């Protein structure tokens, strides 16, 4: 699939990225707690509800299942969705847009931190981001904000902030990765930073790659080949190449990444890669497989939705995923609560600089 040559096609891809991210996030939000909602448990829940194969948002729970889901399930299951819930997976995309509108592509890591303090409530940050926020208020500067008293340096937080850099660098994975790195080092190190670079490059590549597999390969090229993240993603690609099933692929990689924790970047990138490859560009199949994979379901669903949304465009996203969002986003980012998804996409499009 070649990069769209018209403004209309590019606009549809950018809108697809925003819409896909928000829909995927909403799909995964009720079962986000990876230590409670394993892959097997998610599928048991869906089987009892006669919801496999999954082609829509999660079904409304019954009985004891309702108490196991996150409290937000009441606004995130089919038939109950009226606009998107607030979530950090969407807040950071909005904050990244504000960053680029305010400081341009030459922004500094220090300016990222300043914007957090200005726009983002402390209690809406988590893990590595909260550690970095606390360090900022204590007067520390990057890169110490990422390393001082921060045991979450390689968790998934920086990866979920990377989409905006892919959306604004269509067809230019290396530039997208460079921007994502500048943002990520405020709070992360090692595979945490590489995850952000990989995700930004993956989304940028989705604008131009002829296949999802090609986009994954292009994204791998921007991170060190020897890092744990790259080795794990390549492992998933290799297993997919042998035609191993999605279920067996995830079981194999889960054994190989055991002990890393359900919010660590590496095992989540494996779930995401498997969902993308087995979804093969189909929006619904991509996000539902990714969320059924477990771990950090709302973050993985959001990134999978962003990639698939860019790859096929907003027009290819089925209405059952788009219509309940009502073109509206709740956000904790100051000045953005209630913003229209279409407005966010239009503002992003004005910043986008396609590769020559």
Protein backbone atom coordinates (compact mmCIF):
# COMPACT_ATOMS: atom_id res chain seq x y z
CA UNK A 1 0.00 0.00 0.00
CA UNK A 2 1.70 3.20 -1.13
CA UNK A 3 1.57 6.43 0.80
CA UNK A 4 -1.54 8.40 -0.03
CA UNK A 5 -0.72 11.16 -2.52
CA UNK A 6 -3.80 13.25 -1.75
CA UNK A 7 -4.55 15.30 1.33
CA UNK A 8 -7.87 13.47 1.65
CA UNK A 9 -6.24 10.03 1.85
CA UNK A 10 -3.60 11.19 4.31
CA UNK A 11 -6.31 12.80 6.43
CA UNK A 12 -8.22 9.50 6.47
CA UNK A 13 -5.09 7.64 7.63
CA UNK A 14 -4.45 10.13 10.45
CA UNK A 15 -8.10 10.00 11.53
CA UNK A 16 -7.83 6.22 11.38
CA UNK A 17 -4.88 6.33 13.76
CA UNK A 18 -6.69 8.47 16.33
CA UNK A 19 -9.95 6.53 16.05
CA UNK A 20 -8.16 3.20 16.17
CA UNK A 21 -6.16 4.15 19.23
CA UNK A 22 -9.24 5.25 21.14
CA UNK A 23 -11.36 2.25 20.09
CA UNK A 24 -8.60 -0.23 20.94
CA UNK A 25 -8.09 1.42 24.30
CA UNK A 26 -11.80 1.21 25.09
CA UNK A 27 -11.90 -2.44 24.08
CA UNK A 28 -9.07 -3.40 26.43
CA UNK A 29 -9.88 -1.16 29.37
CA UNK A 30 -12.28 -3.42 31.32
CA UNK A 31 -9.76 -6.30 31.44
CA UNK A 32 -6.62 -4.20 31.87
CA UNK A 33 -5.34 -5.87 35.03
CA UNK A 34 -2.97 -8.44 33.60
CA UNK A 35 -2.33 -10.16 36.91
CA UNK A 36 -6.07 -10.91 37.14
CA UNK A 37 -7.20 -11.17 33.52
CA UNK A 38 -5.02 -13.75 31.83
CA UNK A 39 -5.46 -14.69 28.18
CA UNK A 40 -7.31 -17.84 29.18
CA UNK A 41 -9.63 -16.00 31.55
CA UNK A 42 -10.51 -13.38 28.94
CA UNK A 43 -11.46 -16.11 26.47
CA UNK A 44 -13.53 -17.98 29.09
CA UNK A 45 -15.45 -14.75 29.73
CA UNK A 46 -16.05 -14.29 26.00
CA UNK A 47 -17.03 -17.92 25.49
CA UNK A 48 -19.64 -17.77 28.25
CA UNK A 49 -21.08 -14.67 26.58
CA UNK A 50 -21.09 -16.37 23.15
CA UNK A 51 -18.81 -13.55 21.99
CA UNK A 52 -16.16 -15.54 20.14
CA UNK A 53 -15.04 -14.64 17.58
CA UNK A 54 -15.01 -11.13 19.06
CA UNK A 55 -16.21 -8.54 16.53
CA UNK A 56 -17.37 -5.72 18.81
CA UNK A 57 -16.60 -4.18 22.20
CA UNK A 58 -16.65 -6.54 25.18
CA UNK A 59 -20.06 -7.88 26.18
CA UNK A 60 -21.68 -6.73 29.39
CA UNK A 61 -20.60 -9.04 32.24
CA UNK A 62 -22.89 -11.12 34.40
CA UNK A 63 -22.58 -12.34 37.97
CA UNK A 64 -19.12 -12.49 39.50
CA UNK A 65 -17.44 -11.29 36.30
CA UNK A 66 -18.69 -7.75 36.93
CA UNK A 67 -16.74 -7.50 40.18
CA UNK A 68 -13.54 -8.76 38.55
CA UNK A 69 -13.56 -6.18 35.75
CA UNK A 70 -12.19 -2.70 36.25
CA UNK A 71 -14.86 -0.27 37.50
CA UNK A 72 -14.76 1.59 34.18
CA UNK A 73 -16.42 -1.37 32.44
CA UNK A 74 -19.79 0.36 32.78
CA UNK A 75 -18.70 2.94 30.19
CA UNK A 76 -16.61 0.56 28.05
CA UNK A 77 -18.81 -2.40 27.11
CA UNK A 78 -21.06 -2.71 24.09
CA UNK A 79 -24.36 -0.87 24.43
CA UNK A 80 -23.07 1.41 27.19
CA UNK A 81 -20.42 3.47 25.36
CA UNK A 82 -21.21 7.17 24.80
CA UNK A 83 -17.89 8.77 23.93
CA UNK A 84 -14.53 7.52 25.17
CA UNK A 85 -13.52 7.19 28.81
CA UNK A 86 -10.56 9.14 30.13
CA UNK A 87 -7.36 7.12 29.98
CA UNK A 88 -3.63 7.81 30.05
CA UNK A 89 -3.20 5.92 26.76
CA UNK A 90 -5.17 8.72 25.10
CA UNK A 91 -4.05 11.55 27.38
CA UNK A 92 -0.44 11.16 26.25
CA UNK A 93 -1.38 11.26 22.57
CA UNK A 94 -3.21 14.52 23.25
CA UNK A 95 -0.31 15.86 25.30
CA UNK A 96 2.09 14.96 22.48
CA UNK A 97 -0.05 16.90 20.02
CA UNK A 98 0.03 19.90 22.34
CA UNK A 99 3.81 19.52 22.64
CA UNK A 100 4.32 19.68 18.87
CA UNK A 101 1.87 22.55 18.46
CA UNK A 102 3.63 24.51 21.20
CA UNK A 103 7.31 23.77 20.56
CA UNK A 104 7.43 22.20 17.09
CA UNK A 105 9.60 19.27 16.07
CA UNK A 106 12.65 20.84 17.72
CA UNK A 107 11.23 20.33 21.23
CA UNK A 108 13.60 19.38 24.05
CA UNK A 109 13.13 16.70 26.70
CA UNK A 110 13.04 19.50 29.29
CA UNK A 111 10.09 21.04 27.45
CA UNK A 112 8.25 17.71 27.60
CA UNK A 113 8.62 17.78 31.38
CA UNK A 114 7.52 21.41 31.62
CA UNK A 115 4.37 20.58 29.66
CA UNK A 116 3.56 17.67 31.96
CA UNK A 117 3.70 19.97 34.96
CA UNK A 118 1.52 22.54 33.21
CA UNK A 119 -1.11 20.29 31.61
CA UNK A 120 -1.17 16.88 33.33
CA UNK A 121 -2.50 16.20 36.86
CA UNK A 122 -0.03 14.28 39.01
CA UNK A 123 -2.62 11.69 40.09
CA UNK A 124 -3.30 10.81 36.45
CA UNK A 125 0.28 9.61 36.01
CA UNK A 126 1.45 6.09 36.86
CA UNK A 127 4.62 4.02 37.32
CA UNK A 128 7.58 5.56 35.45
CA UNK A 129 5.68 8.72 34.55
CA UNK A 130 4.77 9.37 38.17
CA UNK A 131 8.38 8.79 39.25
CA UNK A 132 9.59 11.24 36.59
CA UNK A 133 6.90 13.77 37.54
CA UNK A 134 7.93 13.55 41.19
CA UNK A 135 11.55 14.02 40.20
CA UNK A 136 10.65 17.06 38.11
CA UNK A 137 8.89 18.70 41.05
CA UNK A 138 11.98 17.95 43.16
CA UNK A 139 14.12 19.96 40.75
CA UNK A 140 15.81 17.11 38.88
CA UNK A 141 16.50 17.41 35.15
CA UNK A 142 16.62 14.73 32.44
CA UNK A 143 18.10 12.15 32.32
CA UNK A 144 18.06 11.95 36.14
CA UNK A 145 14.27 12.21 36.03
CA UNK A 146 14.25 8.74 34.47
CA UNK A 147 16.79 7.05 36.71
CA UNK A 148 16.37 8.42 40.24
CA UNK A 149 14.15 6.22 42.43
CA UNK A 150 12.37 4.80 39.39
CA UNK A 151 12.01 0.98 39.25
CA UNK A 152 9.73 1.22 36.20
CA UNK A 153 12.28 2.43 33.66
CA UNK A 154 11.60 -0.36 31.14
CA UNK A 155 7.85 -0.52 31.52
CA UNK A 156 5.36 0.34 28.77
CA UNK A 157 4.70 4.03 29.61
CA UNK A 158 6.96 5.59 26.99
CA UNK A 159 5.62 3.28 24.27
CA UNK A 160 2.06 4.54 24.81
CA UNK A 161 3.25 8.13 24.30
CA UNK A 162 4.76 7.49 20.88
CA UNK A 163 1.83 7.57 18.46
CA UNK A 164 1.87 11.29 17.75
CA UNK A 165 5.41 11.06 16.40
CA UNK A 166 4.37 8.33 13.97
CA UNK A 167 1.23 10.18 12.85
CA UNK A 168 3.19 13.35 12.13
CA UNK A 169 6.05 11.57 10.30
CA UNK A 170 4.14 9.43 7.77
CA UNK A 171 6.52 7.20 5.85
CA UNK A 172 9.56 8.31 7.88
CA UNK A 173 10.13 5.73 10.65
CA UNK A 174 13.61 6.95 11.59
CA UNK A 175 12.49 10.52 12.15
CA UNK A 176 9.49 9.31 14.16
CA UNK A 177 11.77 7.15 16.32
CA UNK A 178 14.14 10.05 16.95
CA UNK A 179 11.30 12.25 18.19
CA UNK A 180 9.94 9.44 20.36
CA UNK A 181 13.35 8.90 21.92
CA UNK A 182 13.58 12.58 22.90
CA UNK A 183 10.24 12.25 24.69
CA UNK A 184 10.90 8.83 26.24
CA UNK A 185 14.18 9.61 28.02
CA UNK A 186 12.30 11.88 30.42
CA UNK A 187 11.01 8.78 32.21
CA UNK A 188 12.56 5.63 30.75
CA UNK A 189 15.80 3.86 29.87
CA UNK A 190 16.82 0.79 27.87
CA UNK A 191 13.96 -1.26 26.47
CA UNK A 192 11.52 1.34 27.76
CA UNK A 193 13.02 3.87 25.35
CA UNK A 194 13.42 1.34 22.57
CA UNK A 195 9.73 0.46 22.89
CA UNK A 196 8.74 4.07 22.25
CA UNK A 197 11.08 4.31 19.26
CA UNK A 198 9.77 1.02 17.85
CA UNK A 199 6.11 2.01 18.25
CA UNK A 200 6.59 5.43 16.65
CA UNK A 201 8.48 3.88 13.74
CA UNK A 202 5.82 1.16 13.35
CA UNK A 203 3.06 3.74 13.04
CA UNK A 204 5.05 5.90 10.64
CA UNK A 205 5.83 2.84 8.52
CA UNK A 206 2.15 1.83 8.42
CA UNK A 207 1.47 4.82 6.16
CA UNK A 208 3.67 3.44 3.39
CA UNK A 209 4.39 -0.25 3.99
CA UNK A 210 2.67 -2.64 1.57
CA UNK A 211 2.05 -5.15 4.39
CA UNK A 212 1.90 -5.14 8.17
CA UNK A 213 4.89 -7.49 8.21
CA UNK A 214 6.92 -4.91 6.26
CA UNK A 215 5.95 -2.21 8.77
CA UNK A 216 7.12 -4.43 11.64
CA UNK A 217 10.43 -5.06 9.86
CA UNK A 218 10.96 -1.34 9.21
CA UNK A 219 10.28 -0.56 12.86
CA UNK A 220 12.80 -3.16 14.00
CA UNK A 221 15.47 -1.36 11.99
CA UNK A 222 15.40 1.72 14.26
CA UNK A 223 16.35 -0.05 17.51
CA UNK A 224 19.51 -1.99 18.44
CA UNK A 225 19.31 -5.49 16.98
CA UNK A 226 20.77 -7.00 20.15
CA UNK A 227 18.31 -5.45 22.63
CA UNK A 228 15.81 -7.72 24.35
CA UNK A 229 12.89 -5.95 22.68
CA UNK A 230 14.24 -6.51 19.17
CA UNK A 231 15.06 -10.16 19.89
CA UNK A 232 11.55 -10.80 21.21
CA UNK A 233 9.79 -9.08 18.31
CA UNK A 234 11.95 -11.04 15.85
CA UNK A 235 11.02 -14.22 17.70
CA UNK A 236 7.31 -13.51 17.18
CA UNK A 237 7.94 -12.71 13.51
CA UNK A 238 9.84 -15.99 13.13
CA UNK A 239 7.08 -18.04 14.77
CA UNK A 240 4.50 -16.38 12.55
CA UNK A 241 6.63 -17.30 9.55
CA UNK A 242 6.41 -20.98 10.53
CA UNK A 243 2.58 -20.67 10.54
CA UNK A 244 2.41 -21.39 14.25
CA UNK A 245 -1.03 -20.47 15.58
CA UNK A 246 -1.64 -17.21 17.42
CA UNK A 247 -2.39 -19.13 20.64
CA UNK A 248 0.77 -21.24 20.48
CA UNK A 249 2.88 -18.22 19.55
CA UNK A 250 1.76 -16.37 22.66
CA UNK A 251 2.26 -19.42 24.86
CA UNK A 252 5.80 -19.87 23.54
CA UNK A 253 6.80 -16.24 23.99
CA UNK A 254 5.14 -16.04 27.43
CA UNK A 255 7.45 -18.80 28.64
CA UNK A 256 10.47 -17.00 27.19
CA UNK A 257 9.58 -13.66 28.85
CA UNK A 258 8.36 -15.09 32.15
CA UNK A 259 9.19 -12.98 35.17
CA UNK A 260 9.29 -9.64 33.37
CA UNK A 261 5.90 -8.51 34.68
CA UNK A 262 2.66 -7.67 32.92
CA UNK A 263 3.49 -3.98 32.35
CA UNK A 264 7.04 -4.49 31.06
CA UNK A 265 7.61 -3.31 27.50
CA UNK A 266 9.04 -6.57 26.14
CA UNK A 267 6.21 -9.10 26.76
CA UNK A 268 3.64 -6.50 25.77
CA UNK A 269 5.45 -5.84 22.49
CA UNK A 270 5.26 -9.58 21.84
CA UNK A 271 1.49 -9.61 22.35
CA UNK A 272 1.16 -6.54 20.15
CA UNK A 273 3.32 -7.98 17.37
CA UNK A 274 1.36 -11.24 17.37
CA UNK A 275 -1.92 -9.36 17.14
CA UNK A 276 -0.67 -7.24 14.26
CA UNK A 277 0.75 -10.14 12.25
CA UNK A 278 -2.21 -12.46 12.74
CA UNK A 279 -4.65 -9.59 12.24
CA UNK A 280 -2.92 -8.85 8.93
CA UNK A 281 -4.41 -5.40 8.40
CA UNK A 282 -8.00 -6.28 9.36
CA UNK A 283 -8.94 -3.71 12.00
CA UNK A 284 -11.35 -5.75 14.11
CA UNK A 285 -9.24 -8.92 14.05
CA UNK A 286 -6.10 -6.96 14.95
CA UNK A 287 -7.45 -5.21 18.03
CA UNK A 288 -9.49 -8.16 19.28
CA UNK A 289 -6.60 -10.61 19.03
CA UNK A 290 -4.30 -8.11 20.71
CA UNK A 291 -6.65 -7.52 23.64
CA UNK A 292 -7.37 -11.23 23.98
CA UNK A 293 -3.61 -11.69 24.35
CA UNK A 294 -3.80 -10.25 27.87
CA UNK A 295 -1.16 -8.29 29.85
CA UNK A 296 -1.63 -4.50 29.49
CA UNK A 297 -4.73 -4.89 27.37
CA UNK A 298 -5.82 -1.27 27.03
CA UNK A 299 -2.34 -0.05 26.08
CA UNK A 300 -1.78 -2.87 23.60
CA UNK A 301 -5.26 -2.51 22.14
CA UNK A 302 -4.66 1.22 21.69
CA UNK A 303 -1.35 0.81 19.85
CA UNK A 304 -2.69 -2.05 17.72
CA UNK A 305 -5.70 0.10 16.83
CA UNK A 306 -3.45 2.99 15.91
CA UNK A 307 -1.32 0.87 13.56
CA UNK A 308 -4.33 -0.86 11.96
CA UNK A 309 -6.20 2.43 11.74
CA UNK A 310 -3.33 4.09 9.89
CA UNK A 311 -2.81 1.06 7.66
CA UNK A 312 -6.40 0.92 6.41
CA UNK A 313 -7.65 4.43 7.17
CA UNK A 314 -10.73 5.51 9.10
CA UNK A 315 -13.04 4.48 6.27
CA UNK A 316 -12.02 0.84 6.78
CA UNK A 317 -12.87 0.84 10.51
CA UNK A 318 -16.31 -0.79 10.94
CA UNK A 319 -19.05 1.44 12.32
CA UNK A 320 -19.56 -0.65 15.46
CA UNK A 321 -16.16 0.57 16.62
CA UNK A 322 -16.55 4.21 15.56
CA UNK A 323 -20.18 5.15 16.19
CA UNK A 324 -20.25 4.58 20.01
CA UNK A 325 -17.28 6.97 20.41
CA UNK A 326 -19.54 9.80 19.21
CA UNK A 327 -16.48 11.71 17.96
CA UNK A 328 -15.72 12.73 21.54
CA UNK A 329 -12.84 12.20 23.99
CA UNK A 330 -12.65 12.61 27.75
CA UNK A 331 -9.20 13.74 28.86
CA UNK A 332 -7.35 14.80 31.99
CA UNK A 333 -5.07 17.04 29.90
CA UNK A 334 -5.93 20.62 30.84
CA UNK A 335 -7.94 22.33 28.11
CA UNK A 336 -8.77 19.18 26.13
CA UNK A 337 -11.61 17.44 27.96
CA UNK A 338 -14.51 16.81 25.57
CA UNK A 339 -12.47 17.51 22.44
CA UNK A 340 -13.64 15.98 19.16
CA UNK A 341 -11.65 13.10 17.70
CA UNK A 342 -12.01 14.70 14.29
CA UNK A 343 -10.51 17.94 15.62
CA UNK A 344 -7.51 16.10 17.06
CA UNK A 345 -6.98 14.43 13.68
CA UNK A 346 -7.26 17.74 11.81
CA UNK A 347 -4.73 19.39 14.11
CA UNK A 348 -2.38 16.43 13.70
CA UNK A 349 -2.72 16.57 9.91
CA UNK A 350 -1.62 20.22 9.92
CA UNK A 351 1.63 19.14 11.60
CA UNK A 352 2.26 16.03 9.48
CA UNK A 353 5.36 16.09 7.31
CA UNK A 354 5.32 13.12 4.90
CA UNK A 355 8.64 11.62 3.82
CA UNK A 356 9.84 12.90 0.47
